[in-house]
């Protein structure tokens, strides 16, 4: 995270590899949101548009760099978490998206997305990924909470962060 003082002097908080922590964490959160969409076919099928292949590949490149470093930013929801299993899965997922013919998601994309969520320490929904439907948290659809090439629609529409009193 970079803070610039009134006199123009910057103060930057970075991770050990020199990347800004906040940037890295934000990138990974965006990838995790996309993985959750790919893991839940009922949710993905409600989307009004298909993500551009190049956009997903860029996100997967960011994620692959993250797992190559052995990083993990989120507190796991269970133990043990097999973080070491992420790299081959991320590599395979990128291969699948490189040859992806939208809009349908191949079953292998769904399965790998679920496995990556597990290996990030994230539990599946109580109802299971196949039954999971968009919870529209705070009235915001998952599609609008995802990072698209132009940004996050909920932010662009002024829906995020939620206003006080908004359900």
Foldseek 3Di string as FASTA:
>chain_A
DWDADPVGDIDADPDPVRHGPVVLVVLVVLLLLVLLLLLAVQQVVVDPDAADLVVNLVSLVSVLVCLVVVDADDDAPDPDAQSVPLNVLSVVLSVCSVPDDDDDDDPSSNVSSVSNCRNSRHDAPPVGRHPDYFPCVLVNGSQQCHQGVVGRNCVVVVPPPPDPPRD
